[in-house]
């Protein structure tokens, strides 16, 4: 963020990260625990996994967002999509 002086929820941050890794943004996923972060991923076109562990935070309802409440859930969520997380 400091490199490009852009902050969540600006999707420019996600585009910058994808470019730095030489990965098309459509092939990226974002795991974030903030609404602003999730919004930046949504706006960039990424699949978003929203870590919503605080019961006071509301889940985000959006087709690109999967809400989860414990980090141990991630491997199964990814496997359910057919993603090989061991490669």
N, C-alpha and C. Protein backbone atom coordinates (compact mmCIF):
# COMPACT_ATOMS: atom_id res chain seq x y z
N UNK A 1 0.82 -1.19 0.00
CA UNK A 1 0.00 0.00 0.00
C UNK A 1 0.86 1.26 0.00
N UNK A 2 1.91 1.24 0.81
CA UNK A 2 2.76 2.43 0.88
C UNK A 2 3.50 2.68 -0.43
N UNK A 3 3.87 1.59 -1.12
CA UNK A 3 4.57 1.74 -2.40
C UNK A 3 3.76 2.53 -3.42
N UNK A 4 2.46 2.29 -3.44
CA UNK A 4 1.62 2.94 -4.45
C UNK A 4 0.69 3.99 -3.85
N UNK A 5 0.78 4.16 -2.55
CA UNK A 5 -0.05 5.15 -1.84
C UNK A 5 -1.54 4.97 -2.11
N UNK A 6 -1.96 3.73 -2.05
CA UNK A 6 -3.38 3.37 -2.21
C UNK A 6 -3.75 2.48 -1.04
N UNK A 7 -4.96 2.63 -0.54
CA UNK A 7 -5.40 1.92 0.65
C UNK A 7 -6.71 1.20 0.39
N UNK A 8 -6.93 0.13 1.11
CA UNK A 8 -8.21 -0.56 1.04
C UNK A 8 -9.32 0.44 1.34
N UNK A 9 -10.39 0.44 0.60
CA UNK A 9 -10.88 -0.54 -0.36
C UNK A 9 -10.52 -0.27 -1.82
N UNK A 10 -9.53 0.55 -2.09
CA UNK A 10 -9.13 0.83 -3.47
C UNK A 10 -8.60 -0.45 -4.12
N UNK A 11 -9.19 -0.93 -5.20
CA UNK A 11 -8.73 -2.16 -5.82
C UNK A 11 -7.35 -2.04 -6.46
N UNK A 12 -6.83 -0.83 -6.59
CA UNK A 12 -5.49 -0.66 -7.17
C UNK A 12 -4.45 -1.45 -6.39
N UNK A 13 -4.66 -1.59 -5.10
CA UNK A 13 -3.75 -2.36 -4.27
C UNK A 13 -3.74 -3.83 -4.69
N UNK A 14 -4.89 -4.38 -5.01
CA UNK A 14 -4.98 -5.78 -5.44
C UNK A 14 -4.38 -5.96 -6.83
N UNK A 15 -4.63 -5.00 -7.72
CA UNK A 15 -4.02 -5.07 -9.05
C UNK A 15 -2.49 -5.00 -8.95
N UNK A 16 -1.99 -4.17 -8.07
CA UNK A 16 -0.54 -4.03 -7.87
C UNK A 16 0.05 -5.35 -7.35
N UNK A 17 -0.60 -5.96 -6.38
CA UNK A 17 -0.11 -7.22 -5.82
C UNK A 17 -0.10 -8.32 -6.88
N UNK A 18 -1.16 -8.41 -7.67
CA UNK A 18 -1.22 -9.43 -8.72
C UNK A 18 -0.12 -9.22 -9.75
N UNK A 19 0.07 -7.98 -10.15
CA UNK A 19 1.12 -7.67 -11.13
C UNK A 19 2.50 -8.01 -10.58
N UNK A 20 2.73 -7.71 -9.31
CA UNK A 20 4.03 -7.99 -8.69
C UNK A 20 4.33 -9.48 -8.65
N UNK A 21 3.28 -10.30 -8.62
CA UNK A 21 3.45 -11.75 -8.60
C UNK A 21 3.34 -12.37 -9.99
N UNK A 22 3.16 -11.53 -11.02
CA UNK A 22 2.97 -12.01 -12.39
C UNK A 22 1.80 -12.98 -12.51
N UNK A 23 0.70 -12.63 -11.86
CA UNK A 23 -0.51 -13.46 -11.89
C UNK A 23 -1.67 -12.57 -12.34
N UNK A 24 -2.49 -13.09 -13.25
CA UNK A 24 -3.69 -12.36 -13.64
C UNK A 24 -4.58 -12.22 -12.42
N UNK A 25 -5.14 -11.05 -12.24
CA UNK A 25 -5.96 -10.79 -11.07
C UNK A 25 -7.14 -11.76 -10.98
N UNK A 26 -7.64 -12.23 -12.12
CA UNK A 26 -8.75 -13.19 -12.13
C UNK A 26 -8.34 -14.53 -11.55
N UNK A 27 -7.04 -14.80 -11.48
CA UNK A 27 -6.53 -16.06 -10.94
C UNK A 27 -6.08 -15.93 -9.48
N UNK A 28 -6.37 -14.80 -8.87
CA UNK A 28 -5.98 -14.56 -7.48
C UNK A 28 -7.16 -14.79 -6.55
N UNK A 29 -6.84 -15.13 -5.33
CA UNK A 29 -7.84 -15.14 -4.28
C UNK A 29 -7.35 -14.21 -3.18
N UNK A 30 -8.28 -13.67 -2.45
CA UNK A 30 -7.96 -12.79 -1.34
C UNK A 30 -8.57 -13.36 -0.08
N UNK A 31 -7.76 -13.48 0.95
CA UNK A 31 -8.24 -13.83 2.28
C UNK A 31 -8.05 -12.59 3.12
N UNK A 32 -9.14 -12.07 3.68
CA UNK A 32 -9.06 -10.82 4.43
C UNK A 32 -10.05 -10.86 5.58
N UNK A 33 -9.74 -10.08 6.61
CA UNK A 33 -10.63 -10.03 7.77
C UNK A 33 -11.30 -8.67 7.94
N UNK A 34 -11.27 -7.86 6.89
CA UNK A 34 -11.91 -6.55 6.98
C UNK A 34 -12.88 -6.35 5.82
N UNK A 35 -13.91 -5.58 6.07
CA UNK A 35 -14.87 -5.26 5.02
C UNK A 35 -14.19 -4.48 3.91
N UNK A 36 -13.32 -3.54 4.28
CA UNK A 36 -12.61 -2.74 3.28
C UNK A 36 -11.73 -3.62 2.40
N UNK A 37 -11.03 -4.56 3.01
CA UNK A 37 -10.19 -5.47 2.24
C UNK A 37 -11.01 -6.34 1.31
N UNK A 38 -12.10 -6.88 1.83
CA UNK A 38 -12.97 -7.71 1.00
C UNK A 38 -13.52 -6.91 -0.18
N UNK A 39 -13.89 -5.67 0.07
CA UNK A 39 -14.42 -4.82 -1.00
C UNK A 39 -13.36 -4.57 -2.07
N UNK A 40 -12.11 -4.41 -1.67
CA UNK A 40 -11.05 -4.20 -2.67
C UNK A 40 -10.89 -5.43 -3.54
N UNK A 41 -11.00 -6.61 -2.96
CA UNK A 41 -10.93 -7.84 -3.74
C UNK A 41 -12.11 -7.99 -4.68
N UNK A 42 -13.30 -7.68 -4.19
CA UNK A 42 -14.50 -7.73 -5.03
C UNK A 42 -14.34 -6.81 -6.22
N UNK A 43 -13.93 -5.58 -5.96
CA UNK A 43 -13.80 -4.59 -7.03
C UNK A 43 -12.70 -4.93 -8.02
N UNK A 44 -11.72 -5.72 -7.58
CA UNK A 44 -10.65 -6.15 -8.48
C UNK A 44 -11.04 -7.41 -9.26
N UNK A 45 -12.16 -8.03 -8.89
CA UNK A 45 -12.61 -9.23 -9.58
C UNK A 45 -12.06 -10.52 -9.01
N UNK A 46 -11.53 -10.47 -7.80
CA UNK A 46 -10.96 -11.65 -7.15
C UNK A 46 -12.04 -12.43 -6.41
N UNK A 47 -11.76 -13.72 -6.23
CA UNK A 47 -12.55 -14.52 -5.29
C UNK A 47 -12.09 -14.10 -3.90
N UNK A 48 -13.03 -13.83 -3.01
CA UNK A 48 -12.70 -13.32 -1.68
C UNK A 48 -13.17 -14.30 -0.61
N UNK A 49 -12.29 -14.59 0.31
CA UNK A 49 -12.62 -15.38 1.49
C UNK A 49 -12.53 -14.42 2.67
N UNK A 50 -13.70 -14.12 3.22
CA UNK A 50 -13.82 -13.11 4.28
C UNK A 50 -13.83 -13.81 5.64
N UNK A 51 -12.78 -13.58 6.40
CA UNK A 51 -12.64 -14.15 7.74
C UNK A 51 -13.43 -13.29 8.70
N UNK A 52 -14.59 -13.77 9.07
CA UNK A 52 -15.53 -13.01 9.91
C UNK A 52 -15.65 -13.70 11.27
N UNK A 53 -14.58 -13.63 12.06
CA UNK A 53 -14.55 -14.32 13.35
C UNK A 53 -15.26 -13.54 14.44
N UNK A 54 -15.40 -12.24 14.28
CA UNK A 54 -16.05 -11.41 15.28
C UNK A 54 -17.56 -11.48 15.08
N UNK A 55 -18.31 -11.97 16.07
CA UNK A 55 -19.76 -12.10 15.90
C UNK A 55 -20.48 -10.76 15.69
N UNK A 56 -19.81 -9.66 15.96
CA UNK A 56 -20.42 -8.35 15.74
C UNK A 56 -20.34 -7.91 14.27
N UNK A 57 -19.45 -8.55 13.51
CA UNK A 57 -19.33 -8.23 12.09
C UNK A 57 -20.36 -9.04 11.30
N UNK A 58 -20.99 -8.38 10.37
CA UNK A 58 -21.97 -9.06 9.53
C UNK A 58 -21.27 -9.72 8.35
N UNK A 59 -21.76 -10.89 7.94
CA UNK A 59 -21.22 -11.51 6.73
C UNK A 59 -21.46 -10.60 5.52
N UNK A 60 -20.61 -10.72 4.54
CA UNK A 60 -20.76 -9.97 3.30
C UNK A 60 -21.48 -10.87 2.30
N UNK A 61 -22.59 -10.41 1.79
CA UNK A 61 -23.35 -11.18 0.81
C UNK A 61 -23.00 -10.67 -0.58
N UNK A 62 -22.24 -11.48 -1.29
CA UNK A 62 -21.81 -11.14 -2.65
C UNK A 62 -21.39 -12.45 -3.32
N UNK A 63 -21.66 -12.62 -4.61
CA UNK A 63 -21.31 -13.88 -5.28
C UNK A 63 -19.82 -14.22 -5.26
N UNK A 64 -18.95 -13.24 -5.12
CA UNK A 64 -17.51 -13.51 -5.10
C UNK A 64 -16.97 -13.73 -3.69
N UNK A 65 -17.84 -13.67 -2.68
CA UNK A 65 -17.39 -13.73 -1.29
C UNK A 65 -17.85 -15.02 -0.62
N UNK A 66 -16.90 -15.69 0.01
CA UNK A 66 -17.18 -16.82 0.89
C UNK A 66 -16.79 -16.39 2.29
N UNK A 67 -17.75 -16.41 3.19
CA UNK A 67 -17.49 -16.01 4.58
C UNK A 67 -17.16 -17.25 5.39
N UNK A 68 -16.14 -17.13 6.24
CA UNK A 68 -15.79 -18.23 7.14
C UNK A 68 -15.42 -17.65 8.49
N UNK A 69 -15.47 -18.49 9.53
CA UNK A 69 -15.28 -18.01 10.89
C UNK A 69 -14.07 -18.59 11.60
N UNK A 70 -13.40 -19.55 10.98
CA UNK A 70 -12.21 -20.14 11.59
C UNK A 70 -11.23 -20.50 10.48
N UNK A 71 -9.97 -20.16 10.69
CA UNK A 71 -8.96 -20.40 9.64
C UNK A 71 -8.86 -21.87 9.23
N UNK A 72 -9.17 -22.77 10.14
CA UNK A 72 -9.10 -24.19 9.81
C UNK A 72 -10.11 -24.59 8.73
N UNK A 73 -11.08 -23.74 8.45
CA UNK A 73 -12.09 -24.03 7.41
C UNK A 73 -11.55 -23.83 6.00
N UNK A 74 -10.50 -23.05 5.84
CA UNK A 74 -10.03 -22.70 4.49
C UNK A 74 -9.69 -23.91 3.61
N UNK A 75 -8.90 -24.88 4.08
CA UNK A 75 -8.58 -25.99 3.18
C UNK A 75 -9.81 -26.69 2.62
N UNK A 76 -10.82 -26.92 3.44
CA UNK A 76 -12.03 -27.59 2.95
C UNK A 76 -12.82 -26.71 2.00
N UNK A 77 -12.86 -25.42 2.27
CA UNK A 77 -13.56 -24.50 1.36
C UNK A 77 -12.90 -24.50 -0.01
N UNK A 78 -11.57 -24.51 -0.02
CA UNK A 78 -10.85 -24.53 -1.29
C UNK A 78 -11.02 -25.87 -2.01
N UNK A 79 -10.95 -26.96 -1.26
CA UNK A 79 -11.14 -28.28 -1.87
C UNK A 79 -12.54 -28.41 -2.46
N UNK A 80 -13.54 -27.82 -1.80
CA UNK A 80 -14.92 -27.88 -2.30
C UNK A 80 -15.05 -27.19 -3.66
N UNK A 81 -14.16 -26.28 -3.95
CA UNK A 81 -14.16 -25.61 -5.26
C UNK A 81 -13.30 -26.36 -6.28
N UNK A 82 -12.68 -27.45 -5.84
CA UNK A 82 -11.84 -28.23 -6.73
C UNK A 82 -10.43 -27.70 -6.86
N UNK A 83 -10.04 -26.84 -5.93
CA UNK A 83 -8.70 -26.26 -5.98
C UNK A 83 -7.71 -27.16 -5.27
N UNK A 84 -6.59 -27.42 -5.92
CA UNK A 84 -5.51 -28.21 -5.33
C UNK A 84 -4.61 -27.25 -4.56
N UNK A 85 -4.67 -27.32 -3.25
CA UNK A 85 -3.90 -26.39 -2.43
C UNK A 85 -2.51 -26.92 -2.09
N UNK A 86 -2.17 -28.10 -2.62
CA UNK A 86 -0.86 -28.67 -2.32
C UNK A 86 0.15 -28.40 -3.42
N UNK A 87 -0.31 -27.93 -4.55
CA UNK A 87 0.59 -27.72 -5.70
C UNK A 87 1.46 -26.51 -5.49
